[in-house]
């Protein structure tokens, strides 16, 4: 079964933005999500395969509506809840 991120051969997504963007983060929270993910993987809370699966398992509508780091944050929340590190909904605020 193909997941939402597997769009090879699909059409209708519009042109690809090829602007050379030299900034890795566009907001402070994106840098924090990046650092949090690295720390959680280094601390063996979850691994890269689990993280990728959590990103790729997002519902299609949510996946398409989310930015790159919003997908990362969704995956981190999902994995922390799944592993019992946080309670479901604890990060909703």
N, C-alpha and C. Protein backbone atom coordinates (compact mmCIF):
# COMPACT_ATOMS: atom_id res chain seq x y z
N UNK A 1 0.84 -1.18 0.00
CA UNK A 1 0.00 0.00 0.00
C UNK A 1 0.89 1.24 0.00
N UNK A 2 0.65 2.14 -0.93
CA UNK A 2 1.42 3.38 -1.02
C UNK A 2 0.95 4.35 0.06
N UNK A 3 1.88 5.09 0.59
CA UNK A 3 1.57 6.11 1.58
C UNK A 3 1.56 7.48 0.91
N UNK A 4 1.08 8.47 1.61
CA UNK A 4 0.92 9.80 1.04
C UNK A 4 2.23 10.38 0.54
N UNK A 5 3.33 10.08 1.20
CA UNK A 5 4.61 10.64 0.79
C UNK A 5 5.13 10.00 -0.50
N UNK A 6 4.57 8.87 -0.89
CA UNK A 6 5.01 8.16 -2.09
C UNK A 6 4.20 8.66 -3.28
N UNK A 7 4.63 9.79 -3.85
CA UNK A 7 3.86 10.44 -4.91
C UNK A 7 4.53 10.27 -6.28
N UNK A 8 5.46 9.36 -6.38
CA UNK A 8 6.14 9.14 -7.66
C UNK A 8 5.14 8.86 -8.77
N UNK A 9 5.25 9.61 -9.84
CA UNK A 9 4.38 9.43 -10.99
C UNK A 9 3.05 10.14 -10.90
N UNK A 10 2.71 10.67 -9.74
CA UNK A 10 1.45 11.41 -9.60
C UNK A 10 1.61 12.81 -10.17
N UNK A 11 0.51 13.36 -10.61
CA UNK A 11 0.51 14.71 -11.15
C UNK A 11 -0.52 15.56 -10.43
N UNK A 12 -0.45 16.86 -10.65
CA UNK A 12 -1.44 17.76 -10.08
C UNK A 12 -1.00 18.45 -8.81
N UNK A 13 0.27 18.36 -8.45
CA UNK A 13 0.76 19.01 -7.25
C UNK A 13 1.34 20.39 -7.52
N UNK A 14 1.28 20.83 -8.77
CA UNK A 14 1.79 22.15 -9.12
C UNK A 14 3.29 22.13 -9.31
N UNK A 15 3.84 23.30 -9.65
CA UNK A 15 5.28 23.38 -9.90
C UNK A 15 6.10 23.21 -8.62
N UNK A 16 7.30 22.73 -8.79
CA UNK A 16 8.22 22.57 -7.67
C UNK A 16 8.97 23.88 -7.48
N UNK A 17 9.01 24.36 -6.26
CA UNK A 17 9.75 25.58 -5.94
C UNK A 17 11.23 25.24 -5.86
N UNK A 18 11.99 25.76 -6.78
CA UNK A 18 13.43 25.46 -6.81
C UNK A 18 14.26 26.65 -6.34
N UNK A 19 13.64 27.58 -5.63
CA UNK A 19 14.35 28.72 -5.09
C UNK A 19 15.46 28.24 -4.17
N UNK A 20 16.64 28.81 -4.33
CA UNK A 20 17.77 28.45 -3.48
C UNK A 20 17.57 29.09 -2.12
N UNK A 21 17.19 28.29 -1.15
CA UNK A 21 16.91 28.76 0.20
C UNK A 21 18.07 28.36 1.10
N UNK A 22 18.88 29.32 1.49
CA UNK A 22 20.08 29.00 2.27
C UNK A 22 19.81 28.87 3.76
N UNK A 23 18.63 29.29 4.23
CA UNK A 23 18.32 29.20 5.65
C UNK A 23 17.74 27.83 5.99
N UNK A 24 18.35 27.10 6.92
CA UNK A 24 17.83 25.78 7.26
C UNK A 24 16.52 25.85 8.06
N UNK A 25 16.31 26.94 8.78
CA UNK A 25 15.11 27.10 9.60
C UNK A 25 14.51 28.46 9.32
N UNK A 26 13.18 28.51 9.29
CA UNK A 26 12.49 29.77 9.04
C UNK A 26 11.86 30.33 10.30
N UNK A 27 11.90 29.57 11.37
CA UNK A 27 11.38 30.01 12.66
C UNK A 27 12.16 29.28 13.76
N UNK A 28 12.21 29.90 14.93
CA UNK A 28 12.96 29.28 16.04
C UNK A 28 12.43 27.90 16.40
N UNK A 29 11.11 27.71 16.32
CA UNK A 29 10.53 26.43 16.72
C UNK A 29 11.02 25.30 15.81
N UNK A 30 11.31 25.59 14.55
CA UNK A 30 11.80 24.56 13.65
C UNK A 30 13.17 24.05 14.11
N UNK A 31 14.03 24.95 14.52
CA UNK A 31 15.34 24.55 15.03
C UNK A 31 15.19 23.71 16.30
N UNK A 32 14.23 24.06 17.13
CA UNK A 32 14.00 23.29 18.36
C UNK A 32 13.50 21.88 18.06
N UNK A 33 12.60 21.76 17.08
CA UNK A 33 12.11 20.44 16.69
C UNK A 33 13.25 19.60 16.13
N UNK A 34 14.09 20.20 15.31
CA UNK A 34 15.26 19.50 14.76
C UNK A 34 16.15 18.99 15.90
N UNK A 35 16.48 19.87 16.85
CA UNK A 35 17.35 19.50 17.96
C UNK A 35 16.70 18.44 18.86
N UNK A 36 15.41 18.58 19.10
CA UNK A 36 14.69 17.61 19.92
C UNK A 36 14.74 16.23 19.27
N UNK A 37 14.52 16.18 17.98
CA UNK A 37 14.56 14.90 17.27
C UNK A 37 15.94 14.26 17.37
N UNK A 38 16.97 15.06 17.16
CA UNK A 38 18.34 14.51 17.27
C UNK A 38 18.62 13.98 18.67
N UNK A 39 18.18 14.72 19.68
CA UNK A 39 18.41 14.29 21.07
C UNK A 39 17.65 13.01 21.38
N UNK A 40 16.42 12.90 20.92
CA UNK A 40 15.62 11.70 21.21
C UNK A 40 16.18 10.48 20.50
N UNK A 41 16.67 10.66 19.28
CA UNK A 41 17.29 9.54 18.57
C UNK A 41 18.61 9.15 19.25
N UNK A 42 19.42 10.16 19.60
CA UNK A 42 20.70 9.88 20.28
C UNK A 42 20.47 9.19 21.63
N UNK A 43 19.38 9.57 22.31
CA UNK A 43 19.04 8.97 23.59
C UNK A 43 18.32 7.64 23.47
N UNK A 44 18.16 7.17 22.24
CA UNK A 44 17.54 5.88 21.95
C UNK A 44 16.09 5.79 22.43
N UNK A 45 15.42 6.94 22.46
CA UNK A 45 13.98 6.94 22.77
C UNK A 45 13.22 6.33 21.60
N UNK A 46 13.65 6.65 20.40
CA UNK A 46 13.17 6.01 19.19
C UNK A 46 14.30 6.06 18.17
N UNK A 47 14.14 5.31 17.09
CA UNK A 47 15.19 5.31 16.08
C UNK A 47 14.71 5.99 14.80
N UNK A 48 15.61 6.15 13.87
CA UNK A 48 15.30 6.86 12.64
C UNK A 48 14.23 6.15 11.82
N UNK A 49 14.23 4.83 11.82
CA UNK A 49 13.20 4.09 11.09
C UNK A 49 11.82 4.34 11.69
N UNK A 50 11.73 4.35 13.01
CA UNK A 50 10.45 4.63 13.66
C UNK A 50 9.99 6.05 13.36
N UNK A 51 10.94 6.98 13.37
CA UNK A 51 10.62 8.37 13.08
C UNK A 51 10.07 8.51 11.65
N UNK A 52 10.77 7.92 10.71
CA UNK A 52 10.33 7.99 9.31
C UNK A 52 8.95 7.37 9.15
N UNK A 53 8.72 6.23 9.78
CA UNK A 53 7.42 5.58 9.71
C UNK A 53 6.32 6.48 10.28
N UNK A 54 6.62 7.16 11.37
CA UNK A 54 5.62 8.04 11.97
C UNK A 54 5.29 9.21 11.06
N UNK A 55 6.28 9.76 10.38
CA UNK A 55 6.02 10.84 9.41
C UNK A 55 5.17 10.30 8.27
N UNK A 56 5.56 9.16 7.72
CA UNK A 56 4.90 8.61 6.56
C UNK A 56 3.52 8.05 6.86
N UNK A 57 3.20 7.84 8.13
CA UNK A 57 1.90 7.30 8.53
C UNK A 57 0.86 8.39 8.79
N UNK A 58 1.25 9.64 8.61
CA UNK A 58 0.29 10.73 8.82
C UNK A 58 -0.89 10.58 7.87
N UNK A 59 -2.09 10.97 8.31
CA UNK A 59 -3.22 10.97 7.39
C UNK A 59 -2.92 11.87 6.18
N UNK A 60 -3.35 11.48 4.99
CA UNK A 60 -3.00 12.24 3.79
C UNK A 60 -3.30 13.73 3.87
N UNK A 61 -4.45 14.10 4.36
CA UNK A 61 -4.80 15.52 4.45
C UNK A 61 -3.86 16.29 5.36
N UNK A 62 -3.53 15.69 6.50
CA UNK A 62 -2.62 16.33 7.45
C UNK A 62 -1.21 16.41 6.86
N UNK A 63 -0.79 15.35 6.18
CA UNK A 63 0.54 15.33 5.57
C UNK A 63 0.69 16.46 4.55
N UNK A 64 -0.30 16.60 3.68
CA UNK A 64 -0.23 17.62 2.63
C UNK A 64 -0.34 19.04 3.18
N UNK A 65 -1.06 19.22 4.27
CA UNK A 65 -1.25 20.55 4.85
C UNK A 65 -0.07 20.98 5.72
N UNK A 66 0.74 20.04 6.16
CA UNK A 66 1.82 20.34 7.11
C UNK A 66 3.10 20.76 6.40
N UNK A 67 3.84 21.61 7.07
CA UNK A 67 5.18 21.96 6.59
C UNK A 67 6.13 20.82 6.97
N UNK A 68 7.35 20.92 6.49
CA UNK A 68 8.36 19.90 6.75
C UNK A 68 8.53 19.65 8.25
N UNK A 69 8.75 20.69 9.02
CA UNK A 69 8.99 20.51 10.45
C UNK A 69 7.71 20.28 11.23
N UNK A 70 6.57 20.66 10.70
CA UNK A 70 5.31 20.26 11.33
C UNK A 70 5.14 18.75 11.24
N UNK A 71 5.57 18.16 10.15
CA UNK A 71 5.55 16.69 10.02
C UNK A 71 6.48 16.06 11.04
N UNK A 72 7.65 16.65 11.21
CA UNK A 72 8.60 16.15 12.20
C UNK A 72 7.98 16.20 13.60
N UNK A 73 7.37 17.33 13.94
CA UNK A 73 6.79 17.49 15.28
C UNK A 73 5.66 16.48 15.48
N UNK A 74 4.85 16.29 14.46
CA UNK A 74 3.78 15.28 14.54
C UNK A 74 4.38 13.90 14.84
N UNK A 75 5.45 13.55 14.14
CA UNK A 75 6.08 12.25 14.34
C UNK A 75 6.65 12.12 15.75
N UNK A 76 7.30 13.15 16.24
CA UNK A 76 7.86 13.13 17.59
C UNK A 76 6.76 12.93 18.62
N UNK A 77 5.68 13.71 18.50
CA UNK A 77 4.54 13.56 19.43
C UNK A 77 3.97 12.16 19.36
N UNK A 78 3.78 11.66 18.16
CA UNK A 78 3.21 10.32 17.98
C UNK A 78 4.07 9.28 18.67
N UNK A 79 5.37 9.34 18.45
CA UNK A 79 6.27 8.34 19.03
C UNK A 79 6.37 8.47 20.55
N UNK A 80 6.41 9.69 21.06
CA UNK A 80 6.49 9.87 22.52
C UNK A 80 5.21 9.36 23.19
N UNK A 81 4.07 9.57 22.56
CA UNK A 81 2.81 9.04 23.10
C UNK A 81 2.79 7.51 23.00
N UNK A 82 3.20 6.99 21.85
CA UNK A 82 3.18 5.55 21.62
C UNK A 82 4.07 4.82 22.62
N UNK A 83 5.19 5.44 23.00
CA UNK A 83 6.14 4.80 23.90
C UNK A 83 5.88 5.13 25.37
N UNK A 84 4.82 5.91 25.63
CA UNK A 84 4.44 6.20 27.01
C UNK A 84 5.30 7.26 27.68
N UNK A 85 6.08 8.00 26.91
CA UNK A 85 6.91 9.06 27.48
C UNK A 85 6.03 10.23 27.90
N UNK A 86 5.01 10.50 27.11
CA UNK A 86 4.03 11.55 27.45
C UNK A 86 2.64 10.95 27.31
N UNK A 87 1.68 11.60 27.95
CA UNK A 87 0.29 11.19 27.83
C UNK A 87 -0.28 11.71 26.51
N UNK A 88 -1.23 10.99 25.96
CA UNK A 88 -1.90 11.43 24.74
C UNK A 88 -2.51 12.81 24.98
N UNK A 89 -2.25 13.75 24.07
CA UNK A 89 -2.79 15.09 24.17
C UNK A 89 -2.02 16.03 25.09
N UNK A 90 -0.97 15.54 25.72
CA UNK A 90 -0.21 16.36 26.66
C UNK A 90 0.40 17.60 26.01
N UNK A 91 0.73 17.52 24.75
CA UNK A 91 1.37 18.64 24.05
C UNK A 91 0.38 19.43 23.19
N UNK A 92 -0.90 19.25 23.42
CA UNK A 92 -1.89 19.92 22.57
C UNK A 92 -1.85 21.44 22.70
N UNK A 93 -1.42 21.96 23.80
CA UNK A 93 -1.36 23.41 23.96
C UNK A 93 -0.18 23.89 23.20
